[in-house]
């Protein structure tokens, strides 16, 4: 169930938000002014924070948990665009759009705690703060680059290559002696959606990699026996 409380009652959360790079460019007086409109929201696993097309009056800072941003087609198929984890924000770019409606839906992948930040006061503050503006533009540019890279992977790479790229992107630490371990901590349906394959296709691809001796899959852990053979490209 979605519950909210005043951020004033959560000093440690206020400190975490204060250090978030989109906020830290503002001076203390500006932050205190913005903080008056910020509330703390808790959402249960599976709960929808907002739907695509809802009025975008707020953006969010994730303190704990993970939020799935997705689109749903007319046929009911869901495409996961991004998963937002702790100490990250989402929805801030919508504040600068002429039509302020969320372009995606947001659902909690697990019990989550967020700061709900009013968009309009934030926009008014950064108009007079060049440091905060540049931080926001850098974040938007980073996300745009990530989407361009994802489109490239979807159009150029096949499903197997997309999966091996995804595994390599989730290594726990750098490879040693051509071996490594990855942790795929998202639900399989979400990973499949990110890779634009069906869940059963993802399972089949993982089994194929295991049968070839490239990996051993144990729940969320993937032991890579030969990074050089698994790596899709150098």
C-alpha atoms as a PDB file:
ATOM      1  CA  UNK A   1       0.000   0.000   0.000  1.00  0.00           C
ATOM      2  CA  UNK A   2       1.279   3.478  -0.898  1.00  0.00           C
ATOM      3  CA  UNK A   3       1.920   5.526   2.241  1.00  0.00           C
ATOM      4  CA  UNK A   4       3.515   8.934   2.624  1.00  0.00           C
ATOM      5  CA  UNK A   5       5.000  11.005   5.412  1.00  0.00           C
ATOM      6  CA  UNK A   6       6.755  14.305   5.795  1.00  0.00           C
ATOM      7  CA  UNK A   7      10.458  14.211   5.007  1.00  0.00           C
ATOM      8  CA  UNK A   8      11.102  16.444   8.035  1.00  0.00           C
ATOM      9  CA  UNK A   9      10.553  13.352  10.182  1.00  0.00           C
ATOM     10  CA  UNK A  10      13.280  11.368   8.380  1.00  0.00           C
ATOM     11  CA  UNK A  11      16.581  13.158   8.979  1.00  0.00           C
ATOM     12  CA  UNK A  12      18.799  10.368   7.569  1.00  0.00           C
ATOM     13  CA  UNK A  13      16.763  10.307   4.363  1.00  0.00           C
ATOM     14  CA  UNK A  14      16.996  14.056   4.074  1.00  0.00           C
ATOM     15  CA  UNK A  15      20.777  13.778   4.279  1.00  0.00           C
ATOM     16  CA  UNK A  16      20.859  11.120   1.546  1.00  0.00           C
ATOM     17  CA  UNK A  17      18.742  13.295  -0.715  1.00  0.00           C
ATOM     18  CA  UNK A  18      20.821  16.373   0.089  1.00  0.00           C
ATOM     19  CA  UNK A  19      23.909  14.577  -1.219  1.00  0.00           C
ATOM     20  CA  UNK A  20      22.195  13.410  -4.415  1.00  0.00           C
ATOM     21  CA  UNK A  21      24.004  15.157  -7.249  1.00  0.00           C
ATOM     22  CA  UNK A  22      20.866  16.663  -8.836  1.00  0.00           C
ATOM     23  CA  UNK A  23      20.084  18.316  -5.492  1.00  0.00           C
ATOM     24  CA  UNK A  24      23.544  19.056  -4.118  1.00  0.00           C
ATOM     25  CA  UNK A  25      24.081  21.963  -6.525  1.00  0.00           C
ATOM     26  CA  UNK A  26      21.509  24.008  -4.632  1.00  0.00           C
ATOM     27  CA  UNK A  27      22.521  26.009  -1.581  1.00  0.00           C
ATOM     28  CA  UNK A  28      21.084  25.260   1.843  1.00  0.00           C
ATOM     29  CA  UNK A  29      18.374  27.910   1.668  1.00  0.00           C
ATOM     30  CA  UNK A  30      17.148  26.613  -1.689  1.00  0.00           C
ATOM     31  CA  UNK A  31      17.180  23.030  -0.454  1.00  0.00           C
ATOM     32  CA  UNK A  32      15.169  23.911   2.648  1.00  0.00           C
ATOM     33  CA  UNK A  33      12.624  25.643   0.432  1.00  0.00           C
ATOM     34  CA  UNK A  34      12.390  22.579  -1.835  1.00  0.00           C
ATOM     35  CA  UNK A  35      12.249  20.202   1.134  1.00  0.00           C
ATOM     36  CA  UNK A  36       8.999  21.721   2.350  1.00  0.00           C
ATOM     37  CA  UNK A  37       7.163  20.088  -0.541  1.00  0.00           C
ATOM     38  CA  UNK A  38       8.985  16.730  -0.455  1.00  0.00           C
ATOM     39  CA  UNK A  39       7.273  13.683   1.029  1.00  0.00           C
ATOM     40  CA  UNK A  40       8.479  10.155   1.713  1.00  0.00           C
ATOM     41  CA  UNK A  41       6.533   7.419  -0.063  1.00  0.00           C
ATOM     42  CA  UNK A  42       6.612   3.690   0.691  1.00  0.00           C
ATOM     43  CA  UNK A  43       5.277   1.237  -1.895  1.00  0.00           C
ATOM     44  CA  UNK A  44       4.793  -2.507  -1.648  1.00  0.00           C
ATOM     45  CA  UNK A  45       6.218  -4.988  -4.129  1.00  0.00           C
ATOM     46  CA  UNK A  46       4.020  -5.081  -7.230  1.00  0.00           C
ATOM     47  CA  UNK A  47       2.375  -1.737  -6.495  1.00  0.00           C
ATOM     48  CA  UNK A  48       2.157   0.784  -9.338  1.00  0.00           C
ATOM     49  CA  UNK A  49       3.516   4.212  -8.490  1.00  0.00           C
ATOM     50  CA  UNK A  50       2.088   5.824 -11.620  1.00  0.00           C
ATOM     51  CA  UNK A  51       0.796   4.819 -15.039  1.00  0.00           C
ATOM     52  CA  UNK A  52       1.837   6.080 -18.441  1.00  0.00           C
ATOM     53  CA  UNK A  53      -0.198   9.188 -19.243  1.00  0.00           C
ATOM     54  CA  UNK A  54      -0.692  10.250 -15.606  1.00  0.00           C
ATOM     55  CA  UNK A  55      -0.017  13.900 -14.820  1.00  0.00           C
ATOM     56  CA  UNK A  56       3.677  14.252 -13.947  1.00  0.00           C
ATOM     57  CA  UNK A  57       3.659  16.563 -10.945  1.00  0.00           C
ATOM     58  CA  UNK A  58       6.559  14.857  -9.171  1.00  0.00           C
ATOM     59  CA  UNK A  59       9.859  13.115  -9.757  1.00  0.00           C
ATOM     60  CA  UNK A  60      11.371  10.546  -7.421  1.00  0.00           C
ATOM     61  CA  UNK A  61      14.535   9.647  -5.525  1.00  0.00           C
ATOM     62  CA  UNK A  62      14.891   5.988  -4.581  1.00  0.00           C
ATOM     63  CA  UNK A  63      16.150   5.518  -1.038  1.00  0.00           C
ATOM     64  CA  UNK A  64      15.579   1.748  -0.872  1.00  0.00           C
ATOM     65  CA  UNK A  65      14.166  -0.886  -3.212  1.00  0.00           C
ATOM     66  CA  UNK A  66      13.899  -0.967  -7.004  1.00  0.00           C
ATOM     67  CA  UNK A  67      11.417   0.544  -9.429  1.00  0.00           C
ATOM     68  CA  UNK A  68      10.685  -0.855 -12.878  1.00  0.00           C
ATOM     69  CA  UNK A  69       9.954   1.650 -15.649  1.00  0.00           C
ATOM     70  CA  UNK A  70       8.022   0.031 -18.478  1.00  0.00           C
ATOM     71  CA  UNK A  71       5.698   0.362 -21.443  1.00  0.00           C
ATOM     72  CA  UNK A  72       2.788  -1.937 -22.245  1.00  0.00           C
ATOM     73  CA  UNK A  73       1.702  -2.566 -25.824  1.00  0.00           C
ATOM     74  CA  UNK A  74      -1.877  -2.731 -27.070  1.00  0.00           C
ATOM     75  CA  UNK A  75      -1.607  -6.518 -26.926  1.00  0.00           C
ATOM     76  CA  UNK A  76      -0.618  -6.417 -23.256  1.00  0.00           C
ATOM     77  CA  UNK A  77       3.087  -7.176 -23.698  1.00  0.00           C
ATOM     78  CA  UNK A  78       5.289  -5.329 -21.219  1.00  0.00           C
ATOM     79  CA  UNK A  79       8.691  -3.885 -22.179  1.00  0.00           C
ATOM     80  CA  UNK A  80      11.000  -3.031 -19.296  1.00  0.00           C
ATOM     81  CA  UNK A  81      12.944   0.105 -20.187  1.00  0.00           C
ATOM     82  CA  UNK A  82      14.941   0.618 -17.009  1.00  0.00           C
ATOM     83  CA  UNK A  83      15.216  -0.524 -13.402  1.00  0.00           C
ATOM     84  CA  UNK A  84      15.965   2.260 -10.920  1.00  0.00           C
ATOM     85  CA  UNK A  85      17.830   1.308  -7.741  1.00  0.00           C
ATOM     86  CA  UNK A  86      18.830   3.101  -4.527  1.00  0.00           C
ATOM     87  CA  UNK A  87      20.375   6.587  -4.668  1.00  0.00           C
ATOM     88  CA  UNK A  88      19.001   7.200  -8.169  1.00  0.00           C
ATOM     89  CA  UNK A  89      16.267   9.490  -9.472  1.00  0.00           C
ATOM     90  CA  UNK A  90      13.660   9.107 -12.198  1.00  0.00           C
ATOM     91  CA  UNK A  91      11.014  11.311 -13.780  1.00  0.00           C
ATOM     92  CA  UNK A  92      12.917  14.598 -13.536  1.00  0.00           C
ATOM     93  CA  UNK A  93      13.191  15.109 -17.307  1.00  0.00           C
ATOM     94  CA  UNK A  94       9.388  15.162 -17.646  1.00  0.00           C
ATOM     95  CA  UNK A  95       9.293  18.384 -15.640  1.00  0.00           C
ATOM     96  CA  UNK A  96      10.771  20.196 -18.653  1.00  0.00           C
ATOM     97  CA  UNK A  97       8.361  18.807 -21.224  1.00  0.00           C
ATOM     98  CA  UNK A  98       5.491  20.890 -22.539  1.00  0.00           C
ATOM     99  CA  UNK A  99       3.023  18.061 -21.957  1.00  0.00           C
ATOM    100  CA  UNK A 100       3.818  16.977 -18.420  1.00  0.00           C
ATOM    101  CA  UNK A 101       2.631  13.392 -18.491  1.00  0.00           C
ATOM    102  CA  UNK A 102       4.644  10.348 -17.531  1.00  0.00           C
ATOM    103  CA  UNK A 103       5.760   8.540 -20.720  1.00  0.00           C
ATOM    104  CA  UNK A 104       6.140   5.229 -18.865  1.00  0.00           C
ATOM    105  CA  UNK A 105       4.617   3.316 -15.964  1.00  0.00           C
ATOM    106  CA  UNK A 106       6.484   2.758 -12.697  1.00  0.00           C
ATOM    107  CA  UNK A 107       6.046  -0.374 -10.575  1.00  0.00           C
ATOM    108  CA  UNK A 108       7.864  -1.512  -7.436  1.00  0.00           C
ATOM    109  CA  UNK A 109       9.889  -4.685  -8.010  1.00  0.00           C
ATOM    110  CA  UNK A 110      10.256  -4.976  -4.239  1.00  0.00           C
ATOM    111  CA  UNK A 111       9.143  -3.054  -1.177  1.00  0.00           C
ATOM    112  CA  UNK A 112      10.549   0.428  -1.763  1.00  0.00           C
ATOM    113  CA  UNK A 113      11.012   3.789  -0.100  1.00  0.00           C
ATOM    114  CA  UNK A 114      11.221   6.974  -2.162  1.00  0.00           C
ATOM    115  CA  UNK A 115      11.275  10.735  -1.898  1.00  0.00           C
ATOM    116  CA  UNK A 116       8.506  12.350  -3.938  1.00  0.00           C
ATOM    117  CA  UNK A 117       9.787  15.723  -5.137  1.00  0.00           C
ATOM    118  CA  UNK A 118       7.474  18.363  -6.647  1.00  0.00           C
ATOM    119  CA  UNK A 119       8.637  19.135 -10.181  1.00  0.00           C
ATOM    120  CA  UNK A 120       7.657  22.796 -10.566  1.00  0.00           C
ATOM    121  CA  UNK A 121       9.534  24.147  -7.509  1.00  0.00           C
ATOM    122  CA  UNK A 122      12.603  22.205  -8.617  1.00  0.00           C
ATOM    123  CA  UNK A 123      12.448  23.673 -12.127  1.00  0.00           C
ATOM    124  CA  UNK A 124      12.162  27.158 -10.688  1.00  0.00           C
ATOM    125  CA  UNK A 125      15.213  26.597  -8.507  1.00  0.00           C
ATOM    126  CA  UNK A 126      17.536  25.298 -11.217  1.00  0.00           C
ATOM    127  CA  UNK A 127      16.611  28.128 -13.565  1.00  0.00           C
ATOM    128  CA  UNK A 128      18.741  30.328 -11.345  1.00  0.00           C
ATOM    129  CA  UNK A 129      21.426  27.715 -10.593  1.00  0.00           C
ATOM    130  CA  UNK A 130      23.794  26.818 -13.429  1.00  0.00           C
ATOM    131  CA  UNK A 131      25.554  24.046 -11.454  1.00  0.00           C
ATOM    132  CA  UNK A 132      22.278  22.235 -10.807  1.00  0.00           C
ATOM    133  CA  UNK A 133      21.274  22.715 -14.459  1.00  0.00           C
ATOM    134  CA  UNK A 134      24.474  21.136 -15.750  1.00  0.00           C
ATOM    135  CA  UNK A 135      24.071  18.173 -13.410  1.00  0.00           C
ATOM    136  CA  UNK A 136      20.577  17.585 -14.737  1.00  0.00           C
ATOM    137  CA  UNK A 137      21.694  17.863 -18.365  1.00  0.00           C
ATOM    138  CA  UNK A 138      24.534  15.406 -17.702  1.00  0.00           C
ATOM    139  CA  UNK A 139      22.083  12.894 -16.244  1.00  0.00           C
ATOM    140  CA  UNK A 140      19.684  13.242 -19.172  1.00  0.00           C
ATOM    141  CA  UNK A 141      22.583  12.842 -21.623  1.00  0.00           C
ATOM    142  CA  UNK A 142      23.773   9.704 -19.829  1.00  0.00           C
ATOM    143  CA  UNK A 143      20.334   8.135 -20.002  1.00  0.00           C
ATOM    144  CA  UNK A 144      19.931   9.088 -23.660  1.00  0.00           C
ATOM    145  CA  UNK A 145      23.263   7.448 -24.449  1.00  0.00           C
ATOM    146  CA  UNK A 146      22.149   4.314 -22.599  1.00  0.00           C
ATOM    147  CA  UNK A 147      18.927   4.148 -24.642  1.00  0.00           C
ATOM    148  CA  UNK A 148      20.865   4.604 -27.918  1.00  0.00           C
ATOM    149  CA  UNK A 149      23.203   1.775 -26.906  1.00  0.00           C
ATOM    150  CA  UNK A 150      20.227  -0.430 -26.046  1.00  0.00           C
ATOM    151  CA  UNK A 151      18.604   0.274 -29.421  1.00  0.00           C
ATOM    152  CA  UNK A 152      21.882  -0.648 -31.117  1.00  0.00           C
ATOM    153  CA  UNK A 153      22.021  -3.934 -29.224  1.00  0.00           C
ATOM    154  CA  UNK A 154      18.410  -4.747 -30.077  1.00  0.00           C
ATOM    155  CA  UNK A 155      18.798  -4.023 -33.778  1.00  0.00           C
ATOM    156  CA  UNK A 156      22.280  -5.398 -34.443  1.00  0.00           C
ATOM    157  CA  UNK A 157      22.803  -8.212 -31.954  1.00  0.00           C
ATOM    158  CA  UNK A 158      20.901 -11.482 -31.810  1.00  0.00           C
ATOM    159  CA  UNK A 159      19.217 -12.714 -28.637  1.00  0.00           C
ATOM    160  CA  UNK A 160      22.148 -14.857 -27.515  1.00  0.00           C
ATOM    161  CA  UNK A 161      24.608 -12.004 -27.935  1.00  0.00           C
ATOM    162  CA  UNK A 162      22.328  -9.648 -26.038  1.00  0.00           C
ATOM    163  CA  UNK A 163      22.208 -12.132 -23.171  1.00  0.00           C
ATOM    164  CA  UNK A 164      25.976 -12.650 -23.040  1.00  0.00           C
ATOM    165  CA  UNK A 165      26.468  -8.874 -23.127  1.00  0.00           C
ATOM    166  CA  UNK A 166      24.016  -8.531 -20.245  1.00  0.00           C
ATOM    167  CA  UNK A 167      25.855 -11.196 -18.225  1.00  0.00           C
ATOM    168  CA  UNK A 168      29.197  -9.470 -18.810  1.00  0.00           C
ATOM    169  CA  UNK A 169      27.679  -6.164 -17.696  1.00  0.00           C
ATOM    170  CA  UNK A 170      26.782  -7.720 -14.325  1.00  0.00           C
ATOM    171  CA  UNK A 171      30.119  -9.167 -13.230  1.00  0.00           C
ATOM    172  CA  UNK A 172      30.709  -9.057  -9.492  1.00  0.00           C
ATOM    173  CA  UNK A 173      34.400  -8.267 -10.027  1.00  0.00           C
ATOM    174  CA  UNK A 174      36.912  -8.314 -12.904  1.00  0.00           C
ATOM    175  CA  UNK A 175      37.715 -11.728 -14.425  1.00  0.00           C
ATOM    176  CA  UNK A 176      40.591 -13.797 -13.014  1.00  0.00           C
ATOM    177  CA  UNK A 177      42.245 -16.522 -15.088  1.00  0.00           C
ATOM    178  CA  UNK A 178      39.504 -16.193 -17.702  1.00  0.00           C
ATOM    179  CA  UNK A 179      36.818 -16.929 -15.106  1.00  0.00           C
ATOM    180  CA  UNK A 180      34.298 -14.663 -13.397  1.00  0.00           C
ATOM    181  CA  UNK A 181      30.950 -14.515 -11.660  1.00  0.00           C
ATOM    182  CA  UNK A 182      27.893 -12.447 -12.521  1.00  0.00           C
ATOM    183  CA  UNK A 183      24.802 -11.858 -10.427  1.00  0.00           C
ATOM    184  CA  UNK A 184      21.493 -11.460 -12.250  1.00  0.00           C
ATOM    185  CA  UNK A 185      19.451 -10.089  -9.372  1.00  0.00           C
ATOM    186  CA  UNK A 186      16.424  -8.917 -11.323  1.00  0.00           C
ATOM    187  CA  UNK A 187      13.398 -11.185 -11.844  1.00  0.00           C
ATOM    188  CA  UNK A 188      13.797 -13.320 -14.964  1.00  0.00           C
ATOM    189  CA  UNK A 189      10.727 -11.755 -16.578  1.00  0.00           C
ATOM    190  CA  UNK A 190      12.332  -8.317 -16.218  1.00  0.00           C
ATOM    191  CA  UNK A 191      15.641  -9.471 -17.670  1.00  0.00           C
ATOM    192  CA  UNK A 192      13.788 -11.100 -20.570  1.00  0.00           C
ATOM    193  CA  UNK A 193      11.886  -7.881 -21.198  1.00  0.00           C
ATOM    194  CA  UNK A 194      15.094  -5.828 -21.138  1.00  0.00           C
ATOM    195  CA  UNK A 195      16.544  -8.194 -23.735  1.00  0.00           C
ATOM    196  CA  UNK A 196      13.335  -8.186 -25.825  1.00  0.00           C
ATOM    197  CA  UNK A 197      12.845 -11.940 -25.582  1.00  0.00           C
ATOM    198  CA  UNK A 198      10.206 -14.142 -24.006  1.00  0.00           C
ATOM    199  CA  UNK A 199      10.987 -15.603 -20.538  1.00  0.00           C
ATOM    200  CA  UNK A 200      11.038 -19.122 -21.980  1.00  0.00           C
ATOM    201  CA  UNK A 201      13.567 -17.957 -24.602  1.00  0.00           C
ATOM    202  CA  UNK A 202      15.778 -16.564 -21.855  1.00  0.00           C
ATOM    203  CA  UNK A 203      15.622 -19.882 -19.992  1.00  0.00           C
ATOM    204  CA  UNK A 204      16.460 -21.779 -23.168  1.00  0.00           C
ATOM    205  CA  UNK A 205      19.444 -19.527 -23.893  1.00  0.00           C
ATOM    206  CA  UNK A 206      20.805 -19.957 -20.357  1.00  0.00           C
ATOM    207  CA  UNK A 207      20.444 -23.730 -20.638  1.00  0.00           C
ATOM    208  CA  UNK A 208      22.269 -23.646 -23.972  1.00  0.00           C
ATOM    209  CA  UNK A 209      25.187 -21.697 -22.490  1.00  0.00           C
ATOM    210  CA  UNK A 210      25.330 -24.157 -19.595  1.00  0.00           C
ATOM    211  CA  UNK A 211      25.231 -27.199 -21.894  1.00  0.00           C
ATOM    212  CA  UNK A 212      28.151 -25.752 -23.856  1.00  0.00           C
ATOM    213  CA  UNK A 213      30.154 -25.527 -20.635  1.00  0.00           C
ATOM    214  CA  UNK A 214      30.407 -21.758 -20.791  1.00  0.00           C
ATOM    215  CA  UNK A 215      28.513 -21.061 -17.570  1.00  0.00           C
ATOM    216  CA  UNK A 216      26.948 -22.668 -14.537  1.00  0.00           C
ATOM    217  CA  UNK A 217      23.692 -21.088 -13.426  1.00  0.00           C
ATOM    218  CA  UNK A 218      22.699 -21.321  -9.764  1.00  0.00           C
ATOM    219  CA  UNK A 219      19.571 -19.256  -9.204  1.00  0.00           C
ATOM    220  CA  UNK A 220      20.783 -15.636  -9.558  1.00  0.00           C
ATOM    221  CA  UNK A 221      24.494 -16.473  -9.742  1.00  0.00           C
ATOM    222  CA  UNK A 222      26.170 -17.221 -13.067  1.00  0.00           C
ATOM    223  CA  UNK A 223      29.657 -18.727 -12.876  1.00  0.00           C
ATOM    224  CA  UNK A 224      31.499 -17.994 -16.129  1.00  0.00           C
ATOM    225  CA  UNK A 225      34.018 -20.709 -16.954  1.00  0.00           C
ATOM    226  CA  UNK A 226      35.551 -18.937 -19.945  1.00  0.00           C
ATOM    227  CA  UNK A 227      35.135 -15.189 -20.325  1.00  0.00           C
ATOM    228  CA  UNK A 228      36.998 -15.215 -23.635  1.00  0.00           C
ATOM    229  CA  UNK A 229      34.528 -17.709 -25.117  1.00  0.00           C
ATOM    230  CA  UNK A 230      31.455 -16.053 -23.649  1.00  0.00           C
ATOM    231  CA  UNK A 231      32.406 -12.467 -24.493  1.00  0.00           C
ATOM    232  CA  UNK A 232      30.407 -11.402 -27.568  1.00  0.00           C
ATOM    233  CA  UNK A 233      33.108  -9.068 -28.830  1.00  0.00           C
ATOM    234  CA  UNK A 234      36.363  -7.484 -27.694  1.00  0.00           C
END
